[in-house]
């Protein structure tokens, strides 16, 4: 594995990127839905279900958001930004 992925984060990024991209795209689609609070709850459930399939991934995601050198950084920040937009809309 390490011949193809120089770090654990690079491997995780390869495994998680498609799912993160799907969750981000779904958040973009939901930004115009009529019920912002229901949309937020639905999207968060999808995120929890997705991350629940990968033991320990949440801790790696949190660490990657702080580490700009992490291979996971860009994917995690993009996903967080998508969730933030839904949260801000629901709060308004």
Protein backbone atom coordinates (compact mmCIF):
# COMPACT_ATOMS: atom_id res chain seq x y z
CA UNK A 1 0.00 0.00 0.00
CA UNK A 2 2.71 2.49 0.91
CA UNK A 3 4.27 2.12 -2.54
CA UNK A 4 1.16 3.80 -3.93
CA UNK A 5 0.31 6.08 -0.99
CA UNK A 6 3.15 7.85 0.80
CA UNK A 7 1.12 8.51 3.96
CA UNK A 8 -1.93 7.22 5.78
CA UNK A 9 -3.71 10.48 4.93
CA UNK A 10 -3.02 9.97 1.22
CA UNK A 11 -4.60 6.52 1.43
CA UNK A 12 -7.59 7.88 3.32
CA UNK A 13 -7.99 10.68 0.78
CA UNK A 14 -8.08 8.14 -2.05
CA UNK A 15 -10.67 6.06 -0.18
CA UNK A 16 -12.85 8.94 0.94
CA UNK A 17 -12.66 11.46 -1.90
CA UNK A 18 -15.60 10.08 -3.92
CA UNK A 19 -17.83 10.01 -0.86
CA UNK A 20 -16.76 13.51 0.17
CA UNK A 21 -17.43 14.75 -3.36
CA UNK A 22 -20.91 13.20 -3.29
CA UNK A 23 -21.71 14.75 0.09
CA UNK A 24 -20.45 18.13 -1.08
CA UNK A 25 -22.51 17.94 -4.28
CA UNK A 26 -25.58 16.94 -2.30
CA UNK A 27 -25.09 19.92 0.03
CA UNK A 28 -24.95 22.25 -2.99
CA UNK A 29 -28.19 20.77 -4.33
CA UNK A 30 -29.89 21.09 -0.94
CA UNK A 31 -28.93 24.75 -0.47
CA UNK A 32 -32.08 25.79 -2.32
CA UNK A 33 -34.48 23.32 -0.68
CA UNK A 34 -37.53 24.75 1.04
CA UNK A 35 -36.87 23.48 4.56
CA UNK A 36 -33.32 24.45 5.62
CA UNK A 37 -33.45 22.78 9.03
CA UNK A 38 -34.73 19.47 7.65
CA UNK A 39 -32.14 19.62 4.89
CA UNK A 40 -29.35 20.16 7.42
CA UNK A 41 -30.47 17.21 9.55
CA UNK A 42 -30.77 14.97 6.50
CA UNK A 43 -27.32 15.94 5.23
CA UNK A 44 -25.74 15.45 8.65
CA UNK A 45 -27.27 11.98 8.85
CA UNK A 46 -25.67 11.16 5.52
CA UNK A 47 -22.30 12.42 6.78
CA UNK A 48 -22.58 10.36 9.98
CA UNK A 49 -23.56 7.26 8.01
CA UNK A 50 -20.66 7.74 5.60
CA UNK A 51 -18.03 8.39 8.26
CA UNK A 52 -19.40 5.60 10.44
CA UNK A 53 -18.24 3.13 7.82
CA UNK A 54 -14.60 4.08 8.44
CA UNK A 55 -13.36 3.58 11.99
CA UNK A 56 -11.26 6.48 13.20
CA UNK A 57 -11.83 8.65 10.14
CA UNK A 58 -13.44 11.51 12.07
CA UNK A 59 -10.29 12.08 14.13
CA UNK A 60 -8.21 12.02 10.95
CA UNK A 61 -10.60 14.51 9.32
CA UNK A 62 -10.40 16.92 12.25
CA UNK A 63 -6.61 16.74 12.29
CA UNK A 64 -6.46 17.23 8.52
CA UNK A 65 -8.48 20.45 8.70
CA UNK A 66 -5.74 21.97 10.86
CA UNK A 67 -2.85 20.54 8.84
CA UNK A 68 -2.57 22.23 5.46
CA UNK A 69 0.12 19.71 4.47
CA UNK A 70 -2.23 16.75 4.95
CA UNK A 71 -3.45 14.97 1.83
CA UNK A 72 -6.94 15.05 3.37
CA UNK A 73 -6.92 18.79 4.05
CA UNK A 74 -8.59 20.05 0.87
CA UNK A 75 -11.32 17.40 0.87
CA UNK A 76 -12.14 17.95 4.53
CA UNK A 77 -12.21 21.73 4.24
CA UNK A 78 -14.48 21.52 1.19
CA UNK A 79 -16.86 19.21 3.03
CA UNK A 80 -16.87 21.43 6.13
CA UNK A 81 -17.56 24.50 3.99
CA UNK A 82 -20.54 22.77 2.37
CA UNK A 83 -21.92 21.87 5.79
CA UNK A 84 -21.32 25.39 7.07
CA UNK A 85 -23.43 26.84 4.26
CA UNK A 86 -26.31 24.50 5.18
CA UNK A 87 -25.94 25.32 8.87
CA UNK A 88 -25.87 29.07 8.26
CA UNK A 89 -29.00 28.82 6.13
CA UNK A 90 -30.81 26.75 8.77
CA UNK A 91 -29.78 29.22 11.51
CA UNK A 92 -31.17 32.14 9.50
